[in-house]
Amino acid sequence: MNSDYIPWKILSATAQVGLLTEGWNLSESPSDPETCRQFTLEIAFASPFSYPPVIHIGLTGFDIDQNTSPRLSTSVANITSEGFTIVLTTWQNTLVYSADVTWLAVGP
């Protein structure tokens, strides 16, 4: 057996954010439609990884105003062995009332 072997760990969850989430700003009409609006959510792992893991995220649900075009992107930032940041972005006149993001972290 290789003594350098480190077992892999997998963690996952769904983050649900929206109007009742402190700091939620994606449902506010923009003062400048050309400016992107972002909401960030810090995710802390239940148990830390040995090294920063690979993160996969997916938008699994949303509530967007029916009178505007649905514009919403998801990304991750600040990946560490302790956690990461989910970044939700919208632009122009889109009003987002809620979003569900499922994430998967894989690493040693």
Protein backbone atom coordinates (compact mmCIF):
# COMPACT_ATOMS: atom_id res chain seq x y z
CA MET A 1 0.00 0.00 0.00
CA ASN A 2 1.28 3.46 -0.88
CA SER A 3 1.98 5.51 2.26
CA ASP A 4 1.25 8.72 0.29
CA TYR A 5 -2.38 7.71 -0.22
CA ILE A 6 -4.87 10.27 1.08
CA PRO A 7 -8.55 9.24 1.04
CA TRP A 8 -10.96 11.47 -0.85
CA LYS A 9 -13.80 13.25 0.90
CA ILE A 10 -17.08 14.39 -0.65
CA LEU A 11 -19.42 16.98 0.88
CA SER A 12 -22.56 18.48 -0.66
CA ALA A 13 -25.59 20.57 0.21
CA THR A 14 -28.14 22.98 -1.21
CA ALA A 15 -28.09 26.65 -0.28
CA GLN A 16 -31.44 28.44 -0.45
CA VAL A 17 -31.27 32.24 -0.42
CA GLY A 18 -33.70 35.03 -1.17
CA LEU A 19 -35.83 37.84 0.17
CA LEU A 20 -35.54 36.65 3.78
CA THR A 21 -31.74 36.32 3.60
CA GLU A 22 -29.82 39.16 5.25
CA GLY A 23 -28.18 41.36 2.62
CA TRP A 24 -30.22 40.02 -0.31
CA ASN A 25 -30.06 42.71 -2.98
CA LEU A 26 -31.00 40.97 -6.22
CA SER A 27 -34.69 41.88 -5.93
CA GLU A 28 -33.99 45.62 -5.88
CA SER A 29 -34.40 47.66 -9.06
CA PRO A 30 -30.97 48.85 -10.20
CA SER A 31 -30.22 52.57 -10.30
CA ASP A 32 -28.00 51.90 -13.34
CA PRO A 33 -29.21 49.00 -15.54
CA GLU A 34 -25.68 48.53 -16.91
CA THR A 35 -24.30 47.63 -13.46
CA CYS A 36 -24.21 44.00 -12.36
CA ARG A 37 -25.60 43.21 -8.92
CA GLN A 38 -24.06 40.44 -6.85
CA PHE A 39 -24.98 38.54 -3.73
CA THR A 40 -22.36 36.42 -1.98
CA LEU A 41 -22.88 33.57 0.46
CA GLU A 42 -20.09 32.10 2.57
CA ILE A 43 -20.14 28.30 2.83
CA ALA A 44 -18.23 26.65 5.69
CA PHE A 45 -17.54 22.92 5.40
CA ALA A 46 -18.80 20.72 8.23
CA SER A 47 -15.28 19.29 8.40
CA PRO A 48 -12.24 20.78 6.65
CA PHE A 49 -10.41 19.22 3.73
CA SER A 50 -6.64 18.63 3.76
CA TYR A 51 -6.31 20.89 0.71
CA PRO A 52 -8.75 23.17 -1.14
CA PRO A 53 -11.25 20.85 -2.88
CA VAL A 54 -12.73 21.04 -6.35
CA ILE A 55 -16.15 22.71 -6.17
CA HIS A 56 -19.02 22.03 -8.56
CA ILE A 57 -22.16 24.18 -8.29
CA GLY A 58 -25.46 24.19 -10.11
CA LEU A 59 -28.51 26.42 -10.08
CA THR A 60 -31.36 24.11 -9.05
CA GLY A 61 -34.18 26.61 -8.55
CA PHE A 62 -35.08 30.27 -8.75
CA ASP A 63 -37.93 32.77 -8.45
CA ILE A 64 -37.53 35.63 -10.93
CA ASP A 65 -40.01 38.42 -11.67
CA GLN A 66 -42.19 37.45 -14.64
CA ASN A 67 -42.01 40.94 -16.16
CA THR A 68 -38.24 40.84 -16.68
CA SER A 69 -35.87 38.57 -18.54
CA PRO A 70 -34.38 35.80 -16.37
CA ARG A 71 -30.70 36.67 -15.99
CA LEU A 72 -28.80 34.86 -13.23
CA SER A 73 -25.32 33.40 -13.13
CA THR A 74 -23.54 31.42 -10.43
CA SER A 75 -19.86 31.10 -9.66
CA VAL A 76 -17.52 30.30 -6.78
CA ALA A 77 -14.71 32.32 -5.24
CA ASN A 78 -12.23 32.09 -2.35
CA ILE A 79 -11.97 28.29 -2.24
CA THR A 80 -10.05 27.11 0.83
CA SER A 81 -9.86 23.87 2.78
CA GLU A 82 -12.38 25.43 5.23
CA GLY A 83 -15.04 26.62 2.75
CA PHE A 84 -15.81 28.84 -0.24
CA THR A 85 -18.04 31.67 -1.46
CA ILE A 86 -21.05 31.29 -3.76
CA VAL A 87 -21.51 34.33 -6.01
CA LEU A 88 -24.91 35.01 -7.61
CA THR A 89 -24.97 37.73 -10.26
CA THR A 90 -27.78 39.42 -12.19
CA TRP A 91 -27.84 42.46 -14.45
CA GLN A 92 -30.07 44.94 -16.28
CA ASN A 93 -33.65 45.05 -14.94
CA THR A 94 -33.89 41.42 -13.76
CA LEU A 95 -35.39 41.02 -10.28
CA VAL A 96 -34.47 37.78 -8.50
CA TYR A 97 -36.55 36.89 -5.43
CA SER A 98 -34.79 33.64 -4.53
CA ALA A 99 -32.29 31.08 -5.77
CA ASP A 100 -31.32 27.52 -4.86
CA VAL A 101 -27.73 26.45 -5.51
CA THR A 102 -26.55 22.89 -4.99
CA TRP A 103 -22.82 22.41 -4.42
CA LEU A 104 -20.45 19.46 -4.35
CA ALA A 105 -16.92 19.57 -2.91
CA VAL A 106 -14.44 16.79 -3.72
CA GLY A 107 -10.92 16.59 -2.40
CA PRO A 108 -8.49 15.04 0.05
